[in-house]
Amino acid sequence: MIARTLVAAALLATTIAAPTAASASGYGVGQTAKVIVSKHSTLNVRAKPGFHGHVVGSIPAWGTPFVHACRPGYGGEWCKVTWHGCTGWVSARFLALW
């Protein structure tokens, strides 16, 4: 019985502490996310949800844009974000919710 309780507590702690990717299901909409790219990289903010959209800005590693909406787009899921007055679309695979 004690072993089950400890396992359940460990699973709960892991679930709470682990970052969750933003998704088109709506989870993360209306929240701030962290940009997960390498230390000296930036995440491109695009005019349209897809790699074909022209770049309108960028967000540095560990930047925290506000997520307005997420949806499927060309090349995966995309989220509409705002970062320091720049609004556009970023690939959801580079966002994590904490």
N, C-alpha and C. Protein backbone atom coordinates (compact mmCIF):
# COMPACT_ATOMS: atom_id res chain seq x y z
N MET A 1 0.82 -1.19 0.00
CA MET A 1 0.00 0.00 0.00
C MET A 1 0.86 1.26 0.00
N ILE A 2 1.90 1.27 0.83
CA ILE A 2 2.80 2.43 0.88
C ILE A 2 3.51 2.60 -0.46
N ALA A 3 3.92 1.49 -1.08
CA ALA A 3 4.60 1.55 -2.37
C ALA A 3 3.70 2.17 -3.43
N ARG A 4 2.42 1.82 -3.45
CA ARG A 4 1.48 2.41 -4.43
C ARG A 4 1.34 3.91 -4.20
N THR A 5 1.27 4.31 -2.94
CA THR A 5 1.14 5.73 -2.62
C THR A 5 2.36 6.50 -3.08
N LEU A 6 3.56 5.95 -2.86
CA LEU A 6 4.79 6.61 -3.29
C LEU A 6 4.87 6.71 -4.81
N VAL A 7 4.48 5.65 -5.50
CA VAL A 7 4.49 5.67 -6.97
C VAL A 7 3.50 6.72 -7.48
N ALA A 8 2.31 6.78 -6.92
CA ALA A 8 1.31 7.77 -7.33
C ALA A 8 1.81 9.18 -7.07
N ALA A 9 2.45 9.41 -5.93
CA ALA A 9 2.99 10.74 -5.61
C ALA A 9 4.09 11.12 -6.58
N ALA A 10 4.96 10.17 -6.94
CA ALA A 10 6.04 10.44 -7.89
C ALA A 10 5.49 10.79 -9.27
N LEU A 11 4.48 10.05 -9.72
CA LEU A 11 3.87 10.35 -11.02
C LEU A 11 3.21 11.72 -11.03
N LEU A 12 2.54 12.08 -9.97
CA LEU A 12 1.90 13.38 -9.88
C LEU A 12 2.94 14.49 -9.90
N ALA A 13 4.02 14.34 -9.17
CA ALA A 13 5.08 15.35 -9.15
C ALA A 13 5.71 15.52 -10.52
N THR A 14 5.93 14.42 -11.23
CA THR A 14 6.49 14.48 -12.58
C THR A 14 5.54 15.19 -13.53
N THR A 15 4.27 14.92 -13.43
CA THR A 15 3.27 15.54 -14.30
C THR A 15 3.20 17.04 -14.06
N ILE A 16 3.26 17.47 -12.83
CA ILE A 16 3.16 18.89 -12.50
C ILE A 16 4.40 19.63 -12.94
N ALA A 17 5.59 19.05 -12.77
CA ALA A 17 6.84 19.74 -13.04
C ALA A 17 7.24 19.75 -14.50
N ALA A 18 6.76 18.82 -15.29
CA ALA A 18 7.18 18.70 -16.68
C ALA A 18 6.51 19.75 -17.55
N PRO A 19 7.29 20.41 -18.43
CA PRO A 19 6.68 21.36 -19.35
C PRO A 19 5.79 20.64 -20.36
N THR A 20 4.76 21.31 -20.83
CA THR A 20 3.82 20.74 -21.78
C THR A 20 3.84 21.57 -23.05
N ALA A 21 3.90 20.94 -24.19
CA ALA A 21 3.91 21.66 -25.46
C ALA A 21 2.56 22.32 -25.70
N ALA A 22 2.59 23.49 -26.30
CA ALA A 22 1.35 24.15 -26.71
C ALA A 22 0.73 23.32 -27.82
N SER A 23 -0.60 23.33 -27.93
CA SER A 23 -1.22 22.52 -28.96
C SER A 23 -2.51 23.14 -29.47
N ALA A 24 -2.96 22.63 -30.60
CA ALA A 24 -4.18 23.13 -31.22
C ALA A 24 -5.42 22.77 -30.42
N SER A 25 -5.27 21.89 -29.44
CA SER A 25 -6.42 21.53 -28.61
C SER A 25 -6.88 22.70 -27.76
N GLY A 26 -6.11 23.76 -27.74
CA GLY A 26 -6.48 24.93 -26.97
C GLY A 26 -5.73 25.05 -25.67
N TYR A 27 -5.02 23.99 -25.26
CA TYR A 27 -4.24 24.07 -24.04
C TYR A 27 -3.11 25.05 -24.26
N GLY A 28 -2.99 26.01 -23.42
CA GLY A 28 -1.94 27.01 -23.56
C GLY A 28 -2.46 28.33 -24.10
N VAL A 29 -3.63 28.34 -24.71
CA VAL A 29 -4.20 29.57 -25.22
C VAL A 29 -4.56 30.46 -24.03
N GLY A 30 -4.16 31.71 -24.11
CA GLY A 30 -4.41 32.63 -23.01
C GLY A 30 -3.36 32.56 -21.93
N GLN A 31 -2.24 31.88 -22.19
CA GLN A 31 -1.15 31.74 -21.24
C GLN A 31 0.15 32.22 -21.85
N THR A 32 1.13 32.37 -21.00
CA THR A 32 2.48 32.67 -21.45
C THR A 32 3.24 31.36 -21.62
N ALA A 33 4.03 31.25 -22.66
CA ALA A 33 4.82 30.04 -22.91
C ALA A 33 6.30 30.42 -22.93
N LYS A 34 7.16 29.44 -22.79
CA LYS A 34 8.60 29.65 -22.92
C LYS A 34 9.05 29.15 -24.28
N VAL A 35 9.96 29.90 -24.90
CA VAL A 35 10.54 29.50 -26.18
C VAL A 35 11.72 28.58 -25.90
N ILE A 36 11.67 27.39 -26.49
CA ILE A 36 12.71 26.39 -26.29
C ILE A 36 13.53 26.25 -27.57
N VAL A 37 14.60 27.02 -27.66
CA VAL A 37 15.57 26.92 -28.74
C VAL A 37 16.96 26.98 -28.10
N SER A 38 18.00 26.69 -28.86
CA SER A 38 19.35 26.71 -28.30
C SER A 38 19.72 28.12 -27.82
N LYS A 39 20.65 28.18 -26.91
CA LYS A 39 21.00 29.39 -26.18
C LYS A 39 21.21 30.64 -27.05
N HIS A 40 21.87 30.50 -28.16
CA HIS A 40 22.18 31.67 -29.00
C HIS A 40 21.29 31.77 -30.24
N SER A 41 20.15 31.08 -30.22
CA SER A 41 19.22 31.09 -31.35
C SER A 41 18.00 31.95 -31.04
N THR A 42 17.21 32.19 -32.06
CA THR A 42 15.92 32.87 -31.89
C THR A 42 14.86 32.07 -32.64
N LEU A 43 13.62 32.27 -32.23
CA LEU A 43 12.48 31.65 -32.89
C LEU A 43 11.84 32.68 -33.81
N ASN A 44 11.70 32.35 -35.09
CA ASN A 44 11.09 33.28 -36.04
C ASN A 44 9.58 33.42 -35.78
N VAL A 45 9.12 34.65 -35.82
CA VAL A 45 7.68 34.96 -35.76
C VAL A 45 7.27 35.24 -37.19
N ARG A 46 6.23 34.54 -37.67
CA ARG A 46 5.85 34.64 -39.09
C ARG A 46 4.47 35.26 -39.27
N ALA A 47 4.25 35.82 -40.45
CA ALA A 47 2.98 36.47 -40.76
C ALA A 47 1.84 35.48 -40.91
N LYS A 48 2.15 34.25 -41.35
CA LYS A 48 1.14 33.19 -41.54
C LYS A 48 1.58 31.93 -40.80
N PRO A 49 0.63 31.05 -40.43
CA PRO A 49 1.00 29.81 -39.74
C PRO A 49 1.59 28.77 -40.68
N GLY A 50 2.89 28.85 -40.89
CA GLY A 50 3.59 27.91 -41.75
C GLY A 50 4.96 28.46 -42.09
N PHE A 51 5.85 27.57 -42.53
CA PHE A 51 7.21 28.00 -42.85
C PHE A 51 7.27 28.91 -44.07
N HIS A 52 6.18 28.98 -44.84
CA HIS A 52 6.13 29.83 -46.02
C HIS A 52 5.82 31.30 -45.66
N GLY A 53 5.32 31.55 -44.46
CA GLY A 53 5.01 32.93 -44.05
C GLY A 53 6.28 33.74 -43.86
N HIS A 54 6.25 35.00 -44.28
CA HIS A 54 7.48 35.78 -44.14
C HIS A 54 7.70 36.15 -42.66
N VAL A 55 8.97 36.31 -42.30
CA VAL A 55 9.36 36.57 -40.92
C VAL A 55 9.08 38.03 -40.58
N VAL A 56 8.33 38.24 -39.49
CA VAL A 56 7.98 39.60 -39.05
C VAL A 56 8.66 39.96 -37.74
N GLY A 57 9.36 39.01 -37.15
CA GLY A 57 10.07 39.27 -35.89
C GLY A 57 10.72 37.99 -35.39
N SER A 58 11.30 38.06 -34.19
CA SER A 58 11.91 36.88 -33.60
C SER A 58 11.84 36.98 -32.08
N ILE A 59 11.93 35.82 -31.44
CA ILE A 59 11.88 35.73 -29.98
C ILE A 59 13.14 34.99 -29.53
N PRO A 60 13.88 35.52 -28.56
CA PRO A 60 15.10 34.85 -28.11
C PRO A 60 14.81 33.58 -27.30
N ALA A 61 15.83 32.76 -27.16
CA ALA A 61 15.72 31.56 -26.31
C ALA A 61 15.22 31.97 -24.94
N TRP A 62 14.30 31.21 -24.41
CA TRP A 62 13.68 31.41 -23.10
C TRP A 62 12.81 32.66 -23.03
N GLY A 63 12.52 33.28 -24.18
CA GLY A 63 11.55 34.36 -24.21
C GLY A 63 10.18 33.81 -23.80
N THR A 64 9.29 34.69 -23.37
CA THR A 64 7.98 34.23 -22.88
C THR A 64 6.84 34.97 -23.59
N PRO A 65 6.52 34.56 -24.82
CA PRO A 65 5.42 35.20 -25.54
C PRO A 65 4.06 34.79 -24.99
N PHE A 66 3.06 35.63 -25.22
CA PHE A 66 1.69 35.33 -24.86
C PHE A 66 1.05 34.56 -26.01
N VAL A 67 0.38 33.46 -25.71
CA VAL A 67 -0.24 32.60 -26.74
C VAL A 67 -1.72 32.97 -26.89
N HIS A 68 -2.10 33.40 -28.11
CA HIS A 68 -3.49 33.77 -28.40
C HIS A 68 -4.32 32.59 -28.90
N ALA A 69 -3.72 31.78 -29.78
CA ALA A 69 -4.44 30.66 -30.40
C ALA A 69 -3.44 29.68 -30.97
N CYS A 70 -3.84 28.43 -31.11
CA CYS A 70 -3.01 27.41 -31.77
C CYS A 70 -3.88 26.65 -32.76
N ARG A 71 -3.27 26.25 -33.88
CA ARG A 71 -4.00 25.49 -34.89
C ARG A 71 -3.02 24.76 -35.80
N PRO A 72 -3.52 23.74 -36.49
CA PRO A 72 -2.67 23.06 -37.46
C PRO A 72 -2.32 24.00 -38.61
N GLY A 73 -1.14 23.86 -39.13
CA GLY A 73 -0.71 24.67 -40.27
C GLY A 73 0.29 23.90 -41.08
N TYR A 74 0.88 24.54 -42.07
CA TYR A 74 1.86 23.88 -42.91
C TYR A 74 3.09 23.53 -42.07
N GLY A 75 3.42 22.25 -41.98
CA GLY A 75 4.59 21.82 -41.24
C GLY A 75 4.33 21.55 -39.77
N GLY A 76 3.08 21.36 -39.35
CA GLY A 76 2.79 21.05 -37.95
C GLY A 76 1.86 22.06 -37.32
N GLU A 77 1.85 22.08 -35.99
CA GLU A 77 0.98 23.01 -35.28
C GLU A 77 1.66 24.37 -35.11
N TRP A 78 0.86 25.42 -35.18
CA TRP A 78 1.35 26.78 -35.08
C TRP A 78 0.52 27.55 -34.06
N CYS A 79 1.17 28.46 -33.36
CA CYS A 79 0.48 29.27 -32.35
C CYS A 79 0.67 30.74 -32.67
N LYS A 80 -0.43 31.49 -32.55
CA LYS A 80 -0.38 32.94 -32.72
C LYS A 80 0.05 33.53 -31.38
N VAL A 81 1.14 34.29 -31.38
CA VAL A 81 1.71 34.83 -30.15
C VAL A 81 1.98 36.32 -30.27
N THR A 82 2.17 36.95 -29.13
CA THR A 82 2.64 38.33 -29.08
C THR A 82 3.88 38.38 -28.20
N TRP A 83 4.90 39.05 -28.70
CA TRP A 83 6.16 39.22 -27.96
C TRP A 83 6.63 40.66 -28.18
N HIS A 84 6.64 41.44 -27.14
CA HIS A 84 7.08 42.84 -27.19
C HIS A 84 6.45 43.62 -28.34
N GLY A 85 5.14 43.52 -28.47
CA GLY A 85 4.40 44.26 -29.48
C GLY A 85 4.35 43.63 -30.85
N CYS A 86 5.09 42.56 -31.08
CA CYS A 86 5.09 41.85 -32.37
C CYS A 86 4.14 40.66 -32.27
N THR A 87 3.13 40.62 -33.12
CA THR A 87 2.18 39.51 -33.14
C THR A 87 2.35 38.73 -34.43
N GLY A 88 2.39 37.41 -34.31
CA GLY A 88 2.53 36.55 -35.48
C GLY A 88 2.46 35.10 -35.06
N TRP A 89 2.90 34.22 -35.94
CA TRP A 89 2.77 32.78 -35.75
C TRP A 89 4.14 32.14 -35.55
N VAL A 90 4.20 31.19 -34.59
CA VAL A 90 5.41 30.42 -34.35
C VAL A 90 5.06 28.93 -34.31
N SER A 91 6.03 28.11 -34.61
CA SER A 91 5.83 26.66 -34.55
C SER A 91 5.65 26.24 -33.09
N ALA A 92 4.57 25.50 -32.83
CA ALA A 92 4.26 25.07 -31.46
C ALA A 92 5.32 24.13 -30.90
N ARG A 93 6.09 23.48 -31.76
CA ARG A 93 7.10 22.54 -31.26
C ARG A 93 8.21 23.25 -30.48
N PHE A 94 8.30 24.57 -30.61
CA PHE A 94 9.32 25.33 -29.88
C PHE A 94 8.77 26.08 -28.68
N LEU A 95 7.53 25.78 -28.30
CA LEU A 95 6.92 26.40 -27.13
C LEU A 95 6.68 25.37 -26.05
N ALA A 96 6.86 25.77 -24.82
CA ALA A 96 6.56 24.90 -23.68
C ALA A 96 5.80 25.70 -22.65
N LEU A 97 4.77 25.08 -22.07
CA LEU A 97 3.99 25.72 -21.01
C LEU A 97 4.48 25.19 -19.69
N TRP A 98 4.63 26.07 -18.73
CA TRP A 98 5.18 25.67 -17.43
C TRP A 98 4.14 25.72 -16.38
